[in-house]
């Protein structure tokens, strides 16, 4: 089904805009949470980026346990070499988040 992955991609784009451009993390979280049930139909690299975005949003909302859960979800995905290249920026953010959470900054 071609419809679901594009729906997931659209939700990711919308959530990203809400979180970063409009500074509405709670709305962004809702958008992502609604489509995570369809995540299996999206590419692994898109799921990885969505989990990282959701982690970032959780940190912004002081939901540290949620942030850790979504980071774990991202890390458990099996990515090919090509997919890893697609998520370089998200991976940098994962390292930043893990560092901040691990050092008690949040």
Protein backbone atom coordinates (compact mmCIF):
# COMPACT_ATOMS: atom_id res chain seq x y z
CA UNK A 1 0.00 0.00 0.00
CA UNK A 2 1.53 3.25 -1.16
CA UNK A 3 -0.80 5.39 0.93
CA UNK A 4 0.50 4.59 4.42
CA UNK A 5 4.20 5.43 4.01
CA UNK A 6 3.34 8.80 2.50
CA UNK A 7 0.93 9.39 5.37
CA UNK A 8 3.73 8.61 7.80
CA UNK A 9 6.11 10.88 5.87
CA UNK A 10 3.54 13.68 5.87
CA UNK A 11 3.04 13.28 9.61
CA UNK A 12 6.81 13.41 10.15
CA UNK A 13 7.06 16.64 8.12
CA UNK A 14 4.11 18.18 9.96
CA UNK A 15 5.49 17.20 13.37
CA UNK A 16 8.88 18.57 12.46
CA UNK A 17 7.35 21.92 11.46
CA UNK A 18 5.25 22.04 14.62
CA UNK A 19 8.19 21.21 16.87
CA UNK A 20 10.81 23.47 15.34
CA UNK A 21 9.16 26.21 13.29
CA UNK A 22 6.04 26.78 15.36
CA UNK A 23 7.39 25.73 18.78
CA UNK A 24 4.37 23.54 19.53
CA UNK A 25 5.94 20.34 20.86
CA UNK A 26 2.72 18.96 22.38
CA UNK A 27 0.95 19.18 19.01
CA UNK A 28 3.95 17.65 17.25
CA UNK A 29 3.95 14.77 19.73
CA UNK A 30 0.26 14.10 19.05
CA UNK A 31 0.83 14.00 15.29
CA UNK A 32 3.66 11.48 15.60
CA UNK A 33 1.96 9.35 18.24
CA UNK A 34 -1.05 8.94 15.95
CA UNK A 35 1.02 7.47 13.10
CA UNK A 36 3.49 5.31 15.01
CA UNK A 37 1.02 2.43 14.72
CA UNK A 38 1.65 2.65 10.96
CA UNK A 39 5.42 2.90 11.37
CA UNK A 40 6.13 -0.60 10.06
CA UNK A 41 4.97 0.51 6.63
CA UNK A 42 7.49 3.38 6.47
CA UNK A 43 11.17 3.03 5.58
CA UNK A 44 13.57 2.25 8.41
CA UNK A 45 15.39 5.54 7.87
CA UNK A 46 12.16 7.54 8.13
CA UNK A 47 11.14 5.64 11.26
CA UNK A 48 14.58 6.31 12.74
CA UNK A 49 14.22 10.04 12.09
CA UNK A 50 10.67 10.06 13.47
CA UNK A 51 11.74 8.30 16.68
CA UNK A 52 14.55 10.81 17.11
CA UNK A 53 12.21 13.73 16.50
CA UNK A 54 9.82 12.29 19.06
CA UNK A 55 12.72 11.90 21.53
CA UNK A 56 13.68 15.50 20.97
CA UNK A 57 10.08 16.60 21.54
CA UNK A 58 9.87 14.51 24.72
CA UNK A 59 13.00 16.18 26.08
CA UNK A 60 11.55 19.60 25.25
CA UNK A 61 8.43 18.64 27.20
CA UNK A 62 10.45 17.28 30.16
CA UNK A 63 9.27 13.72 29.47
CA UNK A 64 12.66 12.11 29.95
CA UNK A 65 11.42 8.52 30.24
CA UNK A 66 9.51 8.91 26.97
CA UNK A 67 12.64 10.34 25.36
CA UNK A 68 14.66 7.29 26.40
CA UNK A 69 12.01 4.90 25.07
CA UNK A 70 11.96 6.56 21.65
CA UNK A 71 15.77 6.65 21.51
CA UNK A 72 15.79 2.91 22.21
CA UNK A 73 13.26 2.36 19.43
CA UNK A 74 15.54 4.22 17.01
CA UNK A 75 18.63 2.28 18.09
CA UNK A 76 16.88 -1.07 17.64
CA UNK A 77 16.16 -0.45 13.95
CA UNK A 78 18.36 -2.32 11.52
CA UNK A 79 19.64 0.20 8.98
CA UNK A 80 21.57 -0.56 5.82
CA UNK A 81 24.70 1.41 4.97
CA UNK A 82 22.69 3.57 2.58
CA UNK A 83 20.01 4.21 5.21
CA UNK A 84 22.68 5.16 7.76
CA UNK A 85 23.87 7.84 5.32
CA UNK A 86 20.30 9.18 5.11
CA UNK A 87 20.10 9.64 8.89
CA UNK A 88 23.49 11.21 9.66
CA UNK A 89 21.94 14.37 11.13
CA UNK A 90 19.45 12.39 13.22
CA UNK A 91 22.28 10.20 14.50
CA UNK A 92 24.24 13.27 15.58
CA UNK A 93 21.16 14.43 17.47
CA UNK A 94 20.82 10.99 19.10
CA UNK A 95 24.39 11.26 20.38
CA UNK A 96 23.67 14.77 21.71
CA UNK A 97 20.49 13.66 23.45
CA UNK A 98 22.13 10.59 24.97
CA UNK A 99 25.00 12.72 26.21
CA UNK A 100 22.67 15.28 27.75
CA UNK A 101 20.43 12.66 29.37
CA UNK A 102 23.39 10.64 30.57
CA UNK A 103 24.97 13.62 32.26
CA UNK A 104 21.88 14.75 34.11
CA UNK A 105 21.31 17.93 32.13
CA UNK A 106 17.64 17.02 31.86
